[in-house]
């Protein structure tokens, strides 16, 4: 399935959060904190001065966007204004 976000929205593939601690303790899914880092998959129509492009790794606001599950992969559709930084 191909999804193309509208207007100033982007489709982000979210990264998996760590399943174990540094000490080796396994964290159950219910206790995992959601990650705020993802990779840009698709971009809607944005302003010309937008520096975000496909494949960029980004840091976004904690409680932003709409969560989706497509082909057993987690995605997020969020507004460009919810992006905090590019991750290098």
N, C-alpha and C. Protein backbone atom coordinates (compact mmCIF):
# COMPACT_ATOMS: atom_id res chain seq x y z
N UNK A 1 0.84 -1.17 0.00
CA UNK A 1 0.00 0.00 0.00
C UNK A 1 0.89 1.25 0.00
N UNK A 2 0.57 2.21 -0.83
CA UNK A 2 1.34 3.45 -0.91
C UNK A 2 0.51 4.57 -0.32
N UNK A 3 1.10 5.33 0.59
CA UNK A 3 0.42 6.44 1.25
C UNK A 3 1.15 7.73 0.91
N UNK A 4 0.42 8.73 0.46
CA UNK A 4 0.98 10.05 0.16
C UNK A 4 0.30 11.06 1.08
N UNK A 5 1.03 11.63 2.06
CA UNK A 5 0.45 12.61 2.97
C UNK A 5 0.00 13.87 2.23
N UNK A 6 -0.97 14.55 2.78
CA UNK A 6 -1.49 15.77 2.19
C UNK A 6 -0.88 17.00 2.87
N UNK A 7 -0.93 18.11 2.19
CA UNK A 7 -0.51 19.42 2.67
C UNK A 7 0.86 19.38 3.36
N UNK A 8 0.94 19.89 4.57
CA UNK A 8 2.23 19.99 5.26
C UNK A 8 2.48 18.81 6.21
N UNK A 9 2.08 17.63 5.79
CA UNK A 9 2.24 16.44 6.63
C UNK A 9 3.29 15.52 6.03
N UNK A 10 3.88 14.68 6.89
CA UNK A 10 4.87 13.71 6.45
C UNK A 10 4.54 12.34 7.04
N UNK A 11 4.97 11.29 6.35
CA UNK A 11 4.83 9.92 6.82
C UNK A 11 6.18 9.48 7.36
N UNK A 12 6.20 9.04 8.61
CA UNK A 12 7.44 8.66 9.29
C UNK A 12 7.36 7.21 9.72
N UNK A 13 8.39 6.43 9.44
CA UNK A 13 8.50 5.06 9.95
C UNK A 13 9.19 5.15 11.29
N UNK A 14 8.50 4.79 12.34
CA UNK A 14 9.05 4.92 13.68
C UNK A 14 10.06 3.83 13.98
N UNK A 15 11.05 4.17 14.78
CA UNK A 15 12.06 3.19 15.18
C UNK A 15 11.56 2.40 16.39
N UNK A 16 12.03 1.19 16.50
CA UNK A 16 11.70 0.35 17.63
C UNK A 16 12.44 0.83 18.87
N UNK A 17 11.77 0.81 20.02
CA UNK A 17 12.46 1.16 21.26
C UNK A 17 13.22 -0.06 21.76
N UNK A 18 14.19 0.18 22.59
CA UNK A 18 15.05 -0.90 23.10
C UNK A 18 14.23 -1.92 23.89
N UNK A 19 14.52 -3.21 23.71
CA UNK A 19 13.80 -4.28 24.39
C UNK A 19 14.47 -4.70 25.69
N UNK A 20 15.74 -4.33 25.87
CA UNK A 20 16.45 -4.67 27.10
C UNK A 20 17.20 -3.45 27.62
N UNK A 21 17.46 -3.44 28.92
CA UNK A 21 18.23 -2.37 29.52
C UNK A 21 19.72 -2.67 29.37
N UNK A 22 20.56 -1.73 29.74
CA UNK A 22 22.01 -1.95 29.68
C UNK A 22 22.43 -3.11 30.57
N UNK A 23 21.68 -3.34 31.65
CA UNK A 23 22.00 -4.42 32.57
C UNK A 23 21.46 -5.77 32.12
N UNK A 24 20.73 -5.80 30.99
CA UNK A 24 20.24 -7.07 30.46
C UNK A 24 18.82 -7.41 30.85
N UNK A 25 18.12 -6.51 31.53
CA UNK A 25 16.74 -6.77 31.92
C UNK A 25 15.83 -6.55 30.71
N UNK A 26 14.96 -7.52 30.45
CA UNK A 26 14.04 -7.44 29.32
C UNK A 26 12.84 -6.58 29.71
N UNK A 27 12.52 -5.60 28.87
CA UNK A 27 11.41 -4.69 29.13
C UNK A 27 10.19 -5.20 28.36
N UNK A 28 9.06 -5.44 29.06
CA UNK A 28 7.86 -5.88 28.34
C UNK A 28 7.29 -4.75 27.48
N UNK A 29 6.52 -5.13 26.42
CA UNK A 29 5.95 -4.14 25.52
C UNK A 29 5.10 -3.09 26.24
N UNK A 30 4.38 -3.52 27.28
CA UNK A 30 3.49 -2.59 27.98
C UNK A 30 4.26 -1.53 28.76
N UNK A 31 5.53 -1.77 29.07
CA UNK A 31 6.33 -0.83 29.85
C UNK A 31 7.28 0.00 29.00
N UNK A 32 7.37 -0.32 27.71
CA UNK A 32 8.30 0.40 26.84
C UNK A 32 7.81 1.83 26.61
N UNK A 33 8.75 2.75 26.60
CA UNK A 33 8.42 4.13 26.27
C UNK A 33 8.53 4.27 24.76
N UNK A 34 7.57 5.00 24.18
CA UNK A 34 7.58 5.17 22.72
C UNK A 34 8.76 6.03 22.31
N UNK A 35 9.35 5.67 21.20
CA UNK A 35 10.48 6.41 20.66
C UNK A 35 10.01 7.71 20.02
N UNK A 36 10.88 8.69 19.92
CA UNK A 36 10.57 9.96 19.27
C UNK A 36 11.45 10.15 18.04
N UNK A 37 12.04 9.06 17.55
CA UNK A 37 12.92 9.12 16.38
C UNK A 37 12.33 8.24 15.29
N UNK A 38 12.38 8.75 14.06
CA UNK A 38 11.87 8.00 12.93
C UNK A 38 12.54 8.43 11.64
N UNK A 39 12.21 7.73 10.57
CA UNK A 39 12.77 8.02 9.25
C UNK A 39 11.64 8.49 8.34
N UNK A 40 11.86 9.58 7.62
CA UNK A 40 10.85 10.14 6.72
C UNK A 40 10.69 9.22 5.52
N UNK A 41 9.45 8.76 5.29
CA UNK A 41 9.15 7.87 4.18
C UNK A 41 8.53 8.64 3.01
N UNK A 42 7.60 9.53 3.29
CA UNK A 42 6.92 10.32 2.26
C UNK A 42 6.66 11.72 2.80
N UNK A 43 6.61 12.69 1.88
CA UNK A 43 6.38 14.09 2.25
C UNK A 43 5.24 14.63 1.42
N UNK A 44 4.29 15.33 2.08
CA UNK A 44 3.20 15.99 1.37
C UNK A 44 3.70 17.30 0.78
N UNK A 45 2.81 18.12 0.31
CA UNK A 45 3.20 19.42 -0.25
C UNK A 45 3.62 20.33 0.90
N UNK A 46 4.87 20.69 0.93
CA UNK A 46 5.39 21.57 1.98
C UNK A 46 5.88 22.86 1.35
N UNK A 47 6.17 23.82 2.19
CA UNK A 47 6.69 25.10 1.70
C UNK A 47 8.06 24.88 1.07
N UNK A 48 8.45 25.77 0.18
CA UNK A 48 9.71 25.65 -0.55
C UNK A 48 10.93 25.64 0.36
N UNK A 49 10.84 26.26 1.55
CA UNK A 49 12.01 26.35 2.43
C UNK A 49 12.13 25.16 3.39
N UNK A 50 11.39 24.09 3.16
CA UNK A 50 11.44 22.90 4.01
C UNK A 50 12.75 22.14 3.73
N UNK A 51 13.50 21.83 4.78
CA UNK A 51 14.78 21.15 4.62
C UNK A 51 14.66 19.63 4.79
N UNK A 52 13.49 19.15 5.11
CA UNK A 52 13.27 17.72 5.31
C UNK A 52 13.09 17.03 3.96
N UNK A 53 13.72 15.85 3.81
CA UNK A 53 13.56 15.07 2.59
C UNK A 53 13.43 13.59 2.93
N UNK A 54 13.03 12.80 1.96
CA UNK A 54 12.89 11.36 2.18
C UNK A 54 14.20 10.77 2.68
N UNK A 55 14.10 9.85 3.64
CA UNK A 55 15.28 9.17 4.15
C UNK A 55 15.93 9.86 5.34
N UNK A 56 15.52 11.09 5.65
CA UNK A 56 16.08 11.81 6.80
C UNK A 56 15.62 11.16 8.10
N UNK A 57 16.51 11.08 9.06
CA UNK A 57 16.18 10.61 10.39
C UNK A 57 15.84 11.85 11.21
N UNK A 58 14.67 11.84 11.86
CA UNK A 58 14.21 13.02 12.57
C UNK A 58 13.86 12.72 14.03
N UNK A 59 13.82 13.77 14.82
CA UNK A 59 13.34 13.73 16.20
C UNK A 59 12.07 14.56 16.22
N UNK A 60 10.97 13.99 16.71
CA UNK A 60 9.69 14.70 16.69
C UNK A 60 9.12 14.81 18.10
N UNK A 61 8.11 15.71 18.24
CA UNK A 61 7.47 15.93 19.54
C UNK A 61 6.85 14.64 20.05
N UNK A 62 6.84 14.48 21.37
CA UNK A 62 6.45 13.23 22.01
C UNK A 62 5.02 12.78 21.69
N UNK A 63 4.05 13.63 21.83
CA UNK A 63 2.65 13.20 21.65
C UNK A 63 2.04 13.82 20.41
N UNK A 64 2.71 13.69 19.28
CA UNK A 64 2.22 14.30 18.05
C UNK A 64 1.89 13.25 17.01
N UNK A 65 1.04 13.62 16.08
CA UNK A 65 0.76 12.76 14.93
C UNK A 65 -0.28 11.69 15.17
N UNK A 66 -0.57 10.98 14.10
CA UNK A 66 -1.52 9.87 14.09
C UNK A 66 -0.77 8.57 13.80
N UNK A 67 -0.95 7.58 14.66
CA UNK A 67 -0.26 6.31 14.51
C UNK A 67 -0.97 5.41 13.50
N UNK A 68 -0.18 4.72 12.67
CA UNK A 68 -0.69 3.77 11.69
C UNK A 68 0.10 2.48 11.75
N UNK A 69 -0.52 1.38 11.39
CA UNK A 69 0.19 0.11 11.25
C UNK A 69 -0.10 -0.39 9.84
N UNK A 70 0.94 -0.46 9.01
CA UNK A 70 0.80 -0.90 7.63
C UNK A 70 1.77 -2.05 7.40
N UNK A 71 1.25 -3.19 6.97
CA UNK A 71 2.08 -4.38 6.74
C UNK A 71 2.95 -4.71 7.95
N UNK A 72 2.37 -4.65 9.14
CA UNK A 72 3.04 -4.96 10.41
C UNK A 72 4.21 -4.02 10.74
N UNK A 73 4.23 -2.82 10.16
CA UNK A 73 5.24 -1.82 10.47
C UNK A 73 4.53 -0.59 11.03
N UNK A 74 5.16 0.05 12.01
CA UNK A 74 4.58 1.21 12.66
C UNK A 74 4.98 2.49 11.94
N UNK A 75 3.98 3.32 11.64
CA UNK A 75 4.19 4.60 10.98
C UNK A 75 3.48 5.69 11.77
N UNK A 76 3.81 6.91 11.45
CA UNK A 76 3.21 8.08 12.07
C UNK A 76 3.04 9.14 11.00
N UNK A 77 1.86 9.75 10.95
CA UNK A 77 1.66 10.90 10.06
C UNK A 77 1.64 12.12 10.97
N UNK A 78 2.55 13.04 10.72
CA UNK A 78 2.61 14.24 11.54
C UNK A 78 2.88 15.48 10.71
N UNK A 79 2.61 16.62 11.30
CA UNK A 79 2.85 17.89 10.62
C UNK A 79 4.33 18.23 10.68
N UNK A 80 4.79 18.92 9.66
CA UNK A 80 6.20 19.32 9.60
C UNK A 80 6.58 20.14 10.82
N UNK A 81 5.64 20.93 11.35
CA UNK A 81 5.92 21.78 12.52
C UNK A 81 6.19 20.97 13.79
N UNK A 82 5.87 19.67 13.80
CA UNK A 82 6.14 18.82 14.96
C UNK A 82 7.54 18.22 14.95
N UNK A 83 8.31 18.49 13.91
CA UNK A 83 9.69 17.99 13.84
C UNK A 83 10.58 18.93 14.66
N UNK A 84 11.34 18.35 15.57
CA UNK A 84 12.23 19.12 16.43
C UNK A 84 13.63 19.26 15.87
N UNK A 85 14.13 18.18 15.24
CA UNK A 85 15.53 18.22 14.76
C UNK A 85 15.79 17.09 13.79
N UNK A 86 16.84 17.26 13.00
CA UNK A 86 17.37 16.17 12.18
C UNK A 86 18.41 15.43 13.00
N UNK A 87 18.43 14.11 12.90
CA UNK A 87 19.39 13.29 13.63
C UNK A 87 20.47 12.84 12.65
N UNK A 88 21.73 13.10 12.99
CA UNK A 88 22.85 12.70 12.12
C UNK A 88 23.65 11.60 12.73
